[in-house]
C-alpha atoms as a PDB file:
ATOM      1  CA  MET A   1       6.220  -0.633   1.234  1.00  0.00           C
ATOM      2  CA  PHE A   2       9.389   0.504   2.967  1.00  0.00           C
ATOM      3  CA  GLN A   3      12.582   0.974   0.991  1.00  0.00           C
ATOM      4  CA  ALA A   4      15.965   0.281   2.533  1.00  0.00           C
ATOM      5  CA  GLY A   5      17.357   3.500   3.957  1.00  0.00           C
ATOM      6  CA  ALA A   6      14.097   5.436   3.492  1.00  0.00           C
ATOM      7  CA  LEU A   7      12.041   6.637   6.421  1.00  0.00           C
ATOM      8  CA  PRO A   8       8.360   5.662   6.345  1.00  0.00           C
ATOM      9  CA  SER A   9       5.811   8.463   6.014  1.00  0.00           C
ATOM     10  CA  ARG A  10       3.271   9.292   8.723  1.00  0.00           C
ATOM     11  CA  THR A  11       0.555   7.431   6.852  1.00  0.00           C
ATOM     12  CA  GLU A  12       2.614   4.223   6.742  1.00  0.00           C
ATOM     13  CA  ILE A  13       2.975   3.966  10.527  1.00  0.00           C
ATOM     14  CA  ALA A  14       0.056   3.555  12.927  1.00  0.00           C
ATOM     15  CA  MET A  15       0.946   5.896  15.785  1.00  0.00           C
ATOM     16  CA  TYR A  16      -1.282   5.480  18.808  1.00  0.00           C
ATOM     17  CA  VAL A  17      -2.558   8.795  20.103  1.00  0.00           C
ATOM     18  CA  CYS A  18      -5.007   7.451  22.699  1.00  0.00           C
ATOM     19  CA  VAL A  19      -3.702   4.338  24.396  1.00  0.00           C
ATOM     20  CA  CYS A  20      -6.762   4.016  26.668  1.00  0.00           C
ATOM     21  CA  HIS A  21      -9.067   3.495  23.669  1.00  0.00           C
ATOM     22  CA  GLY A  22      -6.547   2.349  21.048  1.00  0.00           C
ATOM     23  CA  ILE A  23      -7.134   5.357  18.767  1.00  0.00           C
ATOM     24  CA  THR A  24      -4.487   5.948  16.106  1.00  0.00           C
ATOM     25  CA  GLU A  25      -3.371   9.063  14.298  1.00  0.00           C
ATOM     26  CA  ARG A  26      -4.801   7.532  11.114  1.00  0.00           C
ATOM     27  CA  GLN A  27      -8.273   7.299  12.667  1.00  0.00           C
ATOM     28  CA  ILE A  28      -8.148  10.954  13.725  1.00  0.00           C
ATOM     29  CA  LEU A  29      -6.995  11.941  10.221  1.00  0.00           C
ATOM     30  CA  GLY A  30      -9.956  10.000   8.839  1.00  0.00           C
ATOM     31  CA  ALA A  31     -12.357  11.956  11.054  1.00  0.00           C
ATOM     32  CA  VAL A  32     -10.830  15.225   9.848  1.00  0.00           C
ATOM     33  CA  GLU A  33     -11.132  14.059   6.247  1.00  0.00           C
ATOM     34  CA  GLN A  34     -14.829  13.415   6.973  1.00  0.00           C
ATOM     35  CA  GLY A  35     -15.239  17.039   8.110  1.00  0.00           C
ATOM     36  CA  ALA A  36     -14.322  17.191  11.816  1.00  0.00           C
ATOM     37  CA  ARG A  37     -12.521  20.467  12.586  1.00  0.00           C
ATOM     38  CA  THR A  38     -12.063  20.367  16.362  1.00  0.00           C
ATOM     39  CA  LEU A  39     -11.259  17.801  19.033  1.00  0.00           C
ATOM     40  CA  GLY A  40     -14.889  17.985  20.146  1.00  0.00           C
ATOM     41  CA  GLU A  41     -16.061  17.121  16.645  1.00  0.00           C
ATOM     42  CA  VAL A  42     -13.562  14.246  16.423  1.00  0.00           C
ATOM     43  CA  GLN A  43     -14.856  13.000  19.782  1.00  0.00           C
ATOM     44  CA  MET A  44     -18.354  12.702  18.297  1.00  0.00           C
ATOM     45  CA  THR A  45     -17.088   9.737  16.271  1.00  0.00           C
ATOM     46  CA  LEU A  46     -14.031   8.531  18.232  1.00  0.00           C
ATOM     47  CA  PRO A  47     -13.556   8.174  22.007  1.00  0.00           C
ATOM     48  CA  VAL A  48     -10.135   9.916  21.913  1.00  0.00           C
ATOM     49  CA  GLY A  49      -9.516  11.702  25.220  1.00  0.00           C
ATOM     50  CA  GLY A  50     -12.532  10.061  26.807  1.00  0.00           C
ATOM     51  CA  CYS A  51     -10.670   8.372  29.663  1.00  0.00           C
ATOM     52  CA  CYS A  52      -7.589   9.951  31.267  1.00  0.00           C
ATOM     53  CA  GLY A  53      -7.358  12.897  28.822  1.00  0.00           C
ATOM     54  CA  ARG A  54      -3.561  12.806  28.479  1.00  0.00           C
ATOM     55  CA  CYS A  55      -3.826  12.403  24.701  1.00  0.00           C
ATOM     56  CA  GLU A  56      -5.914  15.517  24.058  1.00  0.00           C
ATOM     57  CA  ASP A  57      -2.965  17.810  23.257  1.00  0.00           C
ATOM     58  CA  CYS A  58      -1.508  15.269  20.835  1.00  0.00           C
ATOM     59  CA  ALA A  59      -4.923  14.753  19.213  1.00  0.00           C
ATOM     60  CA  ARG A  60      -5.306  18.518  18.749  1.00  0.00           C
ATOM     61  CA  GLU A  61      -1.853  18.639  17.157  1.00  0.00           C
ATOM     62  CA  VAL A  62      -2.790  15.852  14.716  1.00  0.00           C
ATOM     63  CA  ILE A  63      -5.975  17.741  13.807  1.00  0.00           C
ATOM     64  CA  ARG A  64      -4.043  21.010  13.251  1.00  0.00           C
ATOM     65  CA  ASP A  65      -1.365  19.279  11.169  1.00  0.00           C
ATOM     66  CA  CYS A  66      -3.994  17.658   8.967  1.00  0.00           C
ATOM     67  CA  GLN A  67      -5.833  20.948   8.497  1.00  0.00           C
ATOM     68  CA  ARG A  68      -2.589  22.730   7.585  1.00  0.00           C
ATOM     69  CA  SER A  69      -1.599  20.090   5.052  1.00  0.00           C
ATOM     70  CA  ARG A  70      -5.081  20.164   3.520  1.00  0.00           C
ATOM     71  CA  ALA A  71      -4.968  23.977   3.310  1.00  0.00           C
ATOM     72  CA  GLY A  72      -1.502  23.825   1.738  1.00  0.00           C
ATOM     73  CA  ALA A  73      -2.717  21.302  -0.822  1.00  0.00           C
ATOM     74  CA  SER A  74      -5.723  23.508  -1.637  1.00  0.00           C
ATOM     75  CA  ASN A  75      -3.488  26.571  -2.083  1.00  0.00           C
ATOM     76  CA  ALA A  76      -1.131  24.613  -4.344  1.00  0.00           C
ATOM     77  CA  VAL A  77      -4.043  23.510  -6.551  1.00  0.00           C
ATOM     78  CA  ALA A  78      -5.410  27.050  -6.743  1.00  0.00           C
ATOM     79  CA  ALA A  79      -2.063  28.514  -7.784  1.00  0.00           C
END
């Protein structure tokens, strides 16, 4: 739930990455959590980038950000 004066986190807002197919950042994050590592692997389960292709750069950025945060969390646990 949102608190007055606090900004919502990325996971609290559904940001559309692919408008053509209605794919959200959350759905891409879910695919990465299930093991997808590249846009091509995400596309095996989601049609992101399958129409006009304008969302592909944004989708790749979401994938990279998720991988970085997962790697950072793994390093923090190991330390």
